[in-house]
PDB file of N, CA and C in Angstrom:
ATOM      1  N   MET A   1      14.837 -59.401  -1.169  1.00  0.00           N
ATOM      2  CA  MET A   1      15.372 -58.208  -1.288  1.00  0.00           C
ATOM      3  C   MET A   1      14.548 -57.193  -1.730  1.00  0.00           C
ATOM      4  N   LEU A   2      14.486 -58.056  -3.240  1.00  0.00           N
ATOM      5  CA  LEU A   2      14.076 -56.976  -3.910  1.00  0.00           C
ATOM      6  C   LEU A   2      12.570 -56.440  -3.698  1.00  0.00           C
ATOM      7  N   THR A   3      11.859 -57.744  -3.230  1.00  0.00           N
ATOM      8  CA  THR A   3      10.785 -56.907  -3.011  1.00  0.00           C
ATOM      9  C   THR A   3      10.507 -55.514  -1.478  1.00  0.00           C
ATOM     10  N   LYS A   4      11.438 -55.686  -0.678  1.00  0.00           N
ATOM     11  CA  LYS A   4      10.615 -55.569   0.448  1.00  0.00           C
ATOM     12  C   LYS A   4      11.814 -53.849  -0.283  1.00  0.00           C
ATOM     13  N   VAL A   5      12.723 -53.235  -1.199  1.00  0.00           N
ATOM     14  CA  VAL A   5      13.298 -51.970  -1.389  1.00  0.00           C
ATOM     15  C   VAL A   5      12.046 -51.849  -2.673  1.00  0.00           C
ATOM     16  N   SER A   6      11.163 -52.137  -2.423  1.00  0.00           N
ATOM     17  CA  SER A   6       9.774 -51.875  -4.396  1.00  0.00           C
ATOM     18  C   SER A   6       9.012 -52.112  -2.993  1.00  0.00           C
ATOM     19  N   GLU A   7       9.343 -52.194  -1.980  1.00  0.00           N
ATOM     20  CA  GLU A   7       7.700 -51.166  -1.385  1.00  0.00           C
ATOM     21  C   GLU A   7       8.097 -50.392  -0.327  1.00  0.00           C
ATOM     22  N   ASN A   8       9.848 -50.269   0.158  1.00  0.00           N
ATOM     23  CA  ASN A   8      10.169 -48.989   0.296  1.00  0.00           C
ATOM     24  C   ASN A   8       9.692 -48.030  -0.813  1.00  0.00           C
ATOM     25  N   VAL A   9      10.228 -48.308  -1.529  1.00  0.00           N
ATOM     26  CA  VAL A   9       9.962 -46.881  -3.155  1.00  0.00           C
ATOM     27  C   VAL A   9       8.378 -46.966  -2.993  1.00  0.00           C
ATOM     28  N   HIS A  10       7.606 -48.054  -3.583  1.00  0.00           N
ATOM     29  CA  HIS A  10       6.088 -47.557  -3.593  1.00  0.00           C
ATOM     30  C   HIS A  10       5.835 -46.859  -1.690  1.00  0.00           C
ATOM     31  N   GLY A  11       6.185 -47.291  -0.815  1.00  0.00           N
ATOM     32  CA  GLY A  11       5.409 -46.440   0.915  1.00  0.00           C
ATOM     33  C   GLY A  11       6.266 -45.040   0.074  1.00  0.00           C
ATOM     34  N   PHE A  12       7.476 -44.361  -0.080  1.00  0.00           N
ATOM     35  CA  PHE A  12       7.657 -43.494  -0.778  1.00  0.00           C
ATOM     36  C   PHE A  12       7.180 -42.324  -1.227  1.00  0.00           C
ATOM     37  N   LYS A  13       6.916 -43.458  -2.291  1.00  0.00           N
ATOM     38  CA  LYS A  13       6.002 -41.725  -3.280  1.00  0.00           C
ATOM     39  C   LYS A  13       4.704 -41.982  -3.120  1.00  0.00           C
ATOM     40  N   ALA A  14       4.348 -43.276  -1.557  1.00  0.00           N
ATOM     41  CA  ALA A  14       2.626 -43.066  -1.366  1.00  0.00           C
ATOM     42  C   ALA A  14       2.526 -41.675  -0.573  1.00  0.00           C
ATOM     43  N   LYS A  15       3.923 -41.515   0.261  1.00  0.00           N
ATOM     44  CA  LYS A  15       4.097 -40.297   0.853  1.00  0.00           C
ATOM     45  C   LYS A  15       4.057 -39.088   0.190  1.00  0.00           C
ATOM     46  N   LYS A  16       5.225 -39.213  -0.819  1.00  0.00           N
ATOM     47  CA  LYS A  16       5.502 -37.699  -1.458  1.00  0.00           C
ATOM     48  C   LYS A  16       3.975 -37.622  -1.745  1.00  0.00           C
ATOM     49  N   SER A  17       3.174 -38.365  -2.921  1.00  0.00           N
ATOM     50  CA  SER A  17       1.758 -37.745  -2.720  1.00  0.00           C
ATOM     51  C   SER A  17       1.189 -37.217  -1.516  1.00  0.00           C
ATOM     52  N   GLU A  18       0.669 -38.005  -0.990  1.00  0.00           N
ATOM     53  CA  GLU A  18       0.109 -37.251   0.530  1.00  0.00           C
ATOM     54  C   GLU A  18       0.893 -35.898   1.285  1.00  0.00           C
ATOM     55  N   ILE A  19       1.782 -35.451   0.647  1.00  0.00           N
ATOM     56  CA  ILE A  19       2.632 -34.691   1.084  1.00  0.00           C
ATOM     57  C   ILE A  19       2.851 -33.606   0.463  1.00  0.00           C
ATOM     58  N   LEU A  20       2.199 -34.248  -0.938  1.00  0.00           N
ATOM     59  CA  LEU A  20       2.201 -33.112  -2.358  1.00  0.00           C
ATOM     60  C   LEU A  20       0.650 -32.261  -2.036  1.00  0.00           C
ATOM     61  N   MET A  21       0.305 -33.812  -1.615  1.00  0.00           N
ATOM     62  CA  MET A  21      -1.303 -33.440  -1.422  1.00  0.00           C
ATOM     63  C   MET A  21      -2.088 -32.413  -0.119  1.00  0.00           C
ATOM     64  N   ALA A  22      -0.858 -32.513   0.634  1.00  0.00           N
ATOM     65  CA  ALA A  22      -1.358 -31.814   2.139  1.00  0.00           C
ATOM     66  C   ALA A  22      -1.489 -30.184   1.378  1.00  0.00           C
ATOM     67  N   ILE A  23       0.348 -30.575   1.228  1.00  0.00           N
ATOM     68  CA  ILE A  23       0.914 -29.020   0.358  1.00  0.00           C
ATOM     69  C   ILE A  23      -0.214 -28.242   0.012  1.00  0.00           C
ATOM     70  N   GLY A  24      -0.318 -28.773  -1.023  1.00  0.00           N
ATOM     71  CA  GLY A  24      -1.868 -28.372  -2.608  1.00  0.00           C
ATOM     72  C   GLY A  24      -3.173 -27.995  -1.778  1.00  0.00           C
ATOM     73  N   THR A  25      -3.705 -28.645  -0.732  1.00  0.00           N
ATOM     74  CA  THR A  25      -4.619 -27.991   0.213  1.00  0.00           C
ATOM     75  C   THR A  25      -4.738 -27.105   1.513  1.00  0.00           C
ATOM     76  N   ARG A  26      -3.057 -27.115   1.937  1.00  0.00           N
ATOM     77  CA  ARG A  26      -3.594 -25.468   2.727  1.00  0.00           C
ATOM     78  C   ARG A  26      -2.857 -25.083   1.451  1.00  0.00           C
ATOM     79  N   LEU A  27      -2.112 -24.756   0.052  1.00  0.00           N
ATOM     80  CA  LEU A  27      -1.965 -23.303  -0.592  1.00  0.00           C
ATOM     81  C   LEU A  27      -3.519 -23.060  -1.022  1.00  0.00           C
ATOM     82  N   THR A  28      -4.738 -24.193  -1.377  1.00  0.00           N
ATOM     83  CA  THR A  28      -5.478 -23.628  -1.266  1.00  0.00           C
ATOM     84  C   THR A  28      -6.673 -23.051  -0.653  1.00  0.00           C
ATOM     85  N   ILE A  29      -6.145 -23.344   0.258  1.00  0.00           N
ATOM     86  CA  ILE A  29      -6.734 -22.498   1.742  1.00  0.00           C
ATOM     87  C   ILE A  29      -5.899 -21.023   2.245  1.00  0.00           C
ATOM     88  N   LEU A  30      -5.283 -21.055   1.956  1.00  0.00           N
ATOM     89  CA  LEU A  30      -4.153 -19.777   2.368  1.00  0.00           C
ATOM     90  C   LEU A  30      -4.875 -18.588   0.809  1.00  0.00           C
ATOM     91  N   LYS A  31      -4.803 -19.375  -0.154  1.00  0.00           N
ATOM     92  CA  LYS A  31      -5.780 -18.355  -0.784  1.00  0.00           C
ATOM     93  C   LYS A  31      -6.918 -18.234  -1.345  1.00  0.00           C
ATOM     94  N   MET A  32      -7.538 -19.130  -0.514  1.00  0.00           N
ATOM     95  CA  MET A  32      -9.336 -18.740  -0.136  1.00  0.00           C
ATOM     96  C   MET A  32      -8.557 -17.329   0.563  1.00  0.00           C
ATOM     97  N   GLU A  33      -8.452 -17.623   2.162  1.00  0.00           N
ATOM     98  CA  GLU A  33      -8.265 -16.785   3.033  1.00  0.00           C
ATOM     99  C   GLU A  33      -7.852 -15.818   2.599  1.00  0.00           C
ATOM    100  N   TYR A  34      -6.942 -15.461   1.571  1.00  0.00           N
ATOM    101  CA  TYR A  34      -6.276 -13.787   1.117  1.00  0.00           C
ATOM    102  C   TYR A  34      -7.375 -13.349  -0.064  1.00  0.00           C
ATOM    103  N   GLN A  35      -8.414 -13.766  -0.365  1.00  0.00           N
ATOM    104  CA  GLN A  35      -8.512 -13.822  -1.819  1.00  0.00           C
ATOM    105  C   GLN A  35     -10.095 -12.616  -0.050  1.00  0.00           C
ATOM    106  N   SER A  36     -10.147 -13.471   0.181  1.00  0.00           N
ATOM    107  CA  SER A  36     -11.262 -12.501   1.186  1.00  0.00           C
ATOM    108  C   SER A  36     -11.101 -11.573   2.219  1.00  0.00           C
ATOM    109  N   ARG A  37      -9.563 -12.176   2.660  1.00  0.00           N
ATOM    110  CA  ARG A  37      -8.899 -10.702   3.401  1.00  0.00           C
ATOM    111  C   ARG A  37      -9.263  -9.869   2.217  1.00  0.00           C
ATOM    112  N   ILE A  38      -8.734  -9.558   1.205  1.00  0.00           N
ATOM    113  CA  ILE A  38      -8.366  -8.693  -0.033  1.00  0.00           C
ATOM    114  C   ILE A  38      -9.316  -8.175  -0.527  1.00  0.00           C
ATOM    115  N   ALA A  39     -10.860  -8.761   0.088  1.00  0.00           N
ATOM    116  CA  ALA A  39     -12.425  -8.735  -0.679  1.00  0.00           C
ATOM    117  C   ALA A  39     -13.107  -7.776   0.739  1.00  0.00           C
ATOM    118  N   GLN A  40     -12.341  -8.326   1.693  1.00  0.00           N
ATOM    119  CA  GLN A  40     -13.278  -7.447   2.803  1.00  0.00           C
ATOM    120  C   GLN A  40     -12.662  -5.747   2.797  1.00  0.00           C
ATOM    121  N   LEU A  41     -10.768  -5.956   2.373  1.00  0.00           N
ATOM    122  CA  LEU A  41     -10.358  -4.868   2.781  1.00  0.00           C
ATOM    123  C   LEU A  41     -11.156  -3.875   1.594  1.00  0.00           C
ATOM    124  N   ILE A  42     -11.619  -3.787   0.421  1.00  0.00           N
ATOM    125  CA  ILE A  42     -11.868  -3.541  -0.564  1.00  0.00           C
ATOM    126  C   ILE A  42     -13.525  -2.468  -0.091  1.00  0.00           C
ATOM    127  N   VAL A  43     -14.085  -3.976   0.861  1.00  0.00           N
ATOM    128  CA  VAL A  43     -15.630  -3.314   1.198  1.00  0.00           C
ATOM    129  C   VAL A  43     -15.265  -2.098   1.750  1.00  0.00           C
ATOM    130  N   ASP A  44     -14.238  -2.442   2.800  1.00  0.00           N
ATOM    131  CA  ASP A  44     -13.949  -1.866   3.986  1.00  0.00           C
ATOM    132  C   ASP A  44     -12.821  -0.139   3.842  1.00  0.00           C
ATOM    133  N   GLU A  45     -12.519   0.354   2.451  1.00  0.00           N
ATOM    134  CA  GLU A  45     -11.762   1.391   1.903  1.00  0.00           C
ATOM    135  C   GLU A  45     -12.148   1.381   0.832  1.00  0.00           C
ATOM    136  N   ARG A  46     -14.048   1.603   0.760  1.00  0.00           N
ATOM    137  CA  ARG A  46     -14.382   2.392   0.324  1.00  0.00           C
ATOM    138  C   ARG A  46     -14.149   4.062   0.343  1.00  0.00           C
ATOM    139  N   GLY A  47     -13.934   4.287   1.880  1.00  0.00           N
ATOM    140  CA  GLY A  47     -14.476   5.205   2.092  1.00  0.00           C
ATOM    141  C   GLY A  47     -15.197   6.085   2.561  1.00  0.00           C
ATOM    142  N   ASP A  48     -14.780   7.629   2.681  1.00  0.00           N
ATOM    143  CA  ASP A  48     -15.667   8.752   3.699  1.00  0.00           C
ATOM    144  C   ASP A  48     -15.591   9.760   2.617  1.00  0.00           C
ATOM    145  N   VAL A  49     -16.518   9.795   1.976  1.00  0.00           N
ATOM    146  CA  VAL A  49     -16.258  10.798   0.723  1.00  0.00           C
ATOM    147  C   VAL A  49     -16.333  12.071   1.769  1.00  0.00           C
ATOM    148  N   PRO A  50     -17.932  12.237   1.868  1.00  0.00           N
ATOM    149  CA  PRO A  50     -17.817  14.408   2.953  1.00  0.00           C
ATOM    150  C   PRO A  50     -16.541  14.053   3.654  1.00  0.00           C
ATOM    151  N   GLY A  51     -16.539  13.164   4.701  1.00  0.00           N
ATOM    152  CA  GLY A  51     -14.692  13.545   5.159  1.00  0.00           C
ATOM    153  C   GLY A  51     -13.760  14.167   4.231  1.00  0.00           C
ATOM    154  N   TRP A  52     -13.409  13.313   3.588  1.00  0.00           N
ATOM    155  CA  TRP A  52     -12.556  13.560   1.996  1.00  0.00           C
ATOM    156  C   TRP A  52     -12.893  14.899   1.487  1.00  0.00           C
ATOM    157  N   VAL A  53     -13.862  14.969   1.366  1.00  0.00           N
ATOM    158  CA  VAL A  53     -14.569  16.900   0.774  1.00  0.00           C
ATOM    159  C   VAL A  53     -13.740  17.527   2.092  1.00  0.00           C
ATOM    160  N   LEU A  54     -14.638  17.200   3.470  1.00  0.00           N
ATOM    161  CA  LEU A  54     -14.142  18.180   4.095  1.00  0.00           C
ATOM    162  C   LEU A  54     -12.268  18.488   4.295  1.00  0.00           C
ATOM    163  N   VAL A  55     -12.369  17.581   4.545  1.00  0.00           N
ATOM    164  CA  VAL A  55     -10.562  17.645   4.822  1.00  0.00           C
ATOM    165  C   VAL A  55     -10.135  18.729   3.595  1.00  0.00           C
ATOM    166  N   VAL A  56     -10.357  18.283   1.999  1.00  0.00           N
ATOM    167  CA  VAL A  56     -10.550  19.000   0.814  1.00  0.00           C
ATOM    168  C   VAL A  56     -10.176  20.386   0.996  1.00  0.00           C
ATOM    169  N   LEU A  57     -11.561  20.663   1.216  1.00  0.00           N
ATOM    170  CA  LEU A  57     -11.812  21.838   1.644  1.00  0.00           C
ATOM    171  C   LEU A  57     -11.424  22.712   3.024  1.00  0.00           C
ATOM    172  N   MET A  58     -10.885  22.306   3.945  1.00  0.00           N
ATOM    173  CA  MET A  58     -10.700  22.462   4.898  1.00  0.00           C
ATOM    174  C   MET A  58      -9.047  23.022   4.692  1.00  0.00           C
ATOM    175  N   THR A  59      -8.020  22.160   4.176  1.00  0.00           N
ATOM    176  CA  THR A  59      -7.559  22.600   3.642  1.00  0.00           C
ATOM    177  C   THR A  59      -6.825  23.433   2.502  1.00  0.00           C
ATOM    178  N   THR A  60      -7.925  23.895   1.567  1.00  0.00           N
ATOM    179  CA  THR A  60      -7.821  25.392   0.899  1.00  0.00           C
ATOM    180  C   THR A  60      -7.967  25.560   1.362  1.00  0.00           C
ATOM    181  N   GLY A  61      -9.056  26.244   2.733  1.00  0.00           N
ATOM    182  CA  GLY A  61      -8.899  27.493   3.306  1.00  0.00           C
ATOM    183  C   GLY A  61      -7.767  27.987   3.834  1.00  0.00           C
ATOM    184  N   LEU A  62      -7.623  26.712   4.634  1.00  0.00           N
ATOM    185  CA  LEU A  62      -6.395  27.252   5.180  1.00  0.00           C
ATOM    186  C   LEU A  62      -5.219  27.812   4.189  1.00  0.00           C
ATOM    187  N   VAL A  63      -4.831  27.118   2.987  1.00  0.00           N
ATOM    188  CA  VAL A  63      -3.371  27.544   2.330  1.00  0.00           C
ATOM    189  C   VAL A  63      -4.169  29.045   1.672  1.00  0.00           C
ATOM    190  N   THR A  64      -5.680  29.603   1.389  1.00  0.00           N
ATOM    191  CA  THR A  64      -6.330  30.546   0.633  1.00  0.00           C
ATOM    192  C   THR A  64      -5.638  31.731   2.103  1.00  0.00           C
ATOM    193  N   GLY A  65      -6.588  31.376   3.375  1.00  0.00           N
ATOM    194  CA  GLY A  65      -5.923  31.883   3.955  1.00  0.00           C
ATOM    195  C   GLY A  65      -4.411  32.723   5.009  1.00  0.00           C
ATOM    196  N   ILE A  66      -3.698  31.392   4.402  1.00  0.00           N
ATOM    197  CA  ILE A  66      -2.102  31.692   5.023  1.00  0.00           C
ATOM    198  C   ILE A  66      -1.673  32.579   4.041  1.00  0.00           C
ATOM    199  N   TRP A  67      -1.865  32.112   2.971  1.00  0.00           N
ATOM    200  CA  TRP A  67      -1.066  33.167   1.413  1.00  0.00           C
ATOM    201  C   TRP A  67      -1.258  34.165   1.341  1.00  0.00           C
ATOM    202  N   THR A  68      -2.760  34.625   1.769  1.00  0.00           N
ATOM    203  CA  THR A  68      -3.661  36.526   2.474  1.00  0.00           C
ATOM    204  C   THR A  68      -2.819  36.757   3.282  1.00  0.00           C
ATOM    205  N   ILE A  69      -2.199  36.393   3.994  1.00  0.00           N
ATOM    206  CA  ILE A  69      -2.244  36.885   5.065  1.00  0.00           C
ATOM    207  C   ILE A  69       0.179  37.064   5.066  1.00  0.00           C
ATOM    208  N   ALA A  70       0.458  35.752   4.409  1.00  0.00           N
ATOM    209  CA  ALA A  70       1.638  35.944   4.059  1.00  0.00           C
ATOM    210  C   ALA A  70       2.054  36.497   2.759  1.00  0.00           C
ATOM    211  N   ALA A  71       0.953  36.480   2.252  1.00  0.00           N
ATOM    212  CA  ALA A  71       1.620  37.115   0.219  1.00  0.00           C
ATOM    213  C   ALA A  71       2.269  38.391   0.077  1.00  0.00           C
ATOM    214  N   PRO A  72       1.905  39.199   1.092  1.00  0.00           N
ATOM    215  CA  PRO A  72       2.820  40.404   1.159  1.00  0.00           C
ATOM    216  C   PRO A  72       4.474  40.692   1.724  1.00  0.00           C
ATOM    217  N   LYS A  73       4.580  40.086   2.622  1.00  0.00           N
ATOM    218  CA  LYS A  73       5.984  39.641   3.017  1.00  0.00           C
ATOM    219  C   LYS A  73       6.161  38.709   2.424  1.00  0.00           C
ATOM    220  N   ILE A  74       6.149  37.809   1.942  1.00  0.00           N
ATOM    221  CA  ILE A  74       7.364  36.774   1.008  1.00  0.00           C
ATOM    222  C   ILE A  74       7.337  37.590  -0.316  1.00  0.00           C
ATOM    223  N   GLU A  75       6.421  38.235  -0.924  1.00  0.00           N
ATOM    224  CA  GLU A  75       6.802  39.181  -1.821  1.00  0.00           C
ATOM    225  C   GLU A  75       7.852  40.225  -1.654  1.00  0.00           C
ATOM    226  N   SER A  76       7.968  40.917  -0.487  1.00  0.00           N
ATOM    227  CA  SER A  76       8.805  41.708  -0.526  1.00  0.00           C
ATOM    228  C   SER A  76      10.163  41.526  -0.432  1.00  0.00           C
ATOM    229  N   LEU A  77      10.031  39.757   0.790  1.00  0.00           N
ATOM    230  CA  LEU A  77      11.015  39.541   0.478  1.00  0.00           C
ATOM    231  C   LEU A  77      12.259  38.688  -0.308  1.00  0.00           C
ATOM    232  N   LEU A  78      10.860  38.635  -1.348  1.00  0.00           N
ATOM    233  CA  LEU A  78      11.589  38.252  -3.140  1.00  0.00           C
ATOM    234  C   LEU A  78      12.061  39.468  -3.328  1.00  0.00           C
ATOM    235  N   ARG A  79      11.559  40.411  -3.550  1.00  0.00           N
ATOM    236  CA  ARG A  79      11.323  41.620  -3.631  1.00  0.00           C
ATOM    237  C   ARG A  79      13.163  42.207  -3.394  1.00  0.00           C
ATOM    238  N   GLY A  80      13.135  42.037  -2.634  1.00  0.00           N
ATOM    239  CA  GLY A  80      14.604  42.503  -1.520  1.00  0.00           C
ATOM    240  C   GLY A  80      15.822  41.512  -1.672  1.00  0.00           C
ATOM    241  N   SER A  81      15.519  40.512  -1.700  1.00  0.00           N
ATOM    242  CA  SER A  81      16.908  39.845  -2.305  1.00  0.00           C
ATOM    243  C   SER A  81      16.861  39.880  -3.942  1.00  0.00           C
ATOM    244  N   LEU A  82      15.958  39.645  -4.558  1.00  0.00           N
ATOM    245  CA  LEU A  82      16.448  40.079  -5.961  1.00  0.00           C
ATOM    246  C   LEU A  82      17.227  41.126  -6.010  1.00  0.00           C
ATOM    247  N   ASP A  83      16.564  42.331  -5.607  1.00  0.00           N
ATOM    248  CA  ASP A  83      17.046  43.405  -5.985  1.00  0.00           C
ATOM    249  C   ASP A  83      18.793  43.360  -5.303  1.00  0.00           C
ATOM    250  N   SER A  84      18.643  42.565  -4.183  1.00  0.00           N
ATOM    251  CA  SER A  84      20.088  42.714  -4.196  1.00  0.00           C
ATOM    252  C   SER A  84      21.500  42.493  -5.063  1.00  0.00           C
ATOM    253  N   MET A  85      20.661  41.082  -5.408  1.00  0.00           N
ATOM    254  CA  MET A  85      21.339  40.274  -6.378  1.00  0.00           C
ATOM    255  C   MET A  85      21.484  40.528  -7.709  1.00  0.00           C
ATOM    256  N   ASN A  86      20.416  41.610  -7.771  1.00  0.00           N
ATOM    257  CA  ASN A  86      20.764  42.799  -8.987  1.00  0.00           C
ATOM    258  C   ASN A  86      21.971  44.017  -8.562  1.00  0.00           C
ATOM    259  N   ASN A  87      21.902  44.333  -7.615  1.00  0.00           N
ATOM    260  CA  ASN A  87      22.912  45.583  -7.325  1.00  0.00           C
ATOM    261  C   ASN A  87      24.831  44.313  -6.851  1.00  0.00           C
ATOM    262  N   VAL A  88      24.923  43.117  -6.754  1.00  0.00           N
ATOM    263  CA  VAL A  88      26.535  42.760  -7.241  1.00  0.00           C
ATOM    264  C   VAL A  88      26.679  42.470  -8.281  1.00  0.00           C
ATOM    265  N   HIS A  89      28.286  42.721  -8.356  1.00  0.00           N
ATOM    266  CA  HIS A  89      28.245  42.889  -9.929  1.00  0.00           C
ATOM    267  C   HIS A  89      29.772  41.431  -9.739  1.00  0.00           C
TER     268      HIS A  89
END
């Protein structure tokens, strides 16, 4: 009876060891896959510098153009609202 219990305990320890080894192996594989994906993303995400420069220049041009056209109207609206606030006592 005691040897049967001892065999069961030893068998459980062996299975536990196998399970832990399998988990460790799987975690190592997952870690390597994750590192590979991150490395690929870093390589892929270097960006398109001329594209970004073009976007910045176009945005600056649009803002400057709109501001040039809208500035007088915005200024008159602001002056009118401030003047009307000064008349309120």
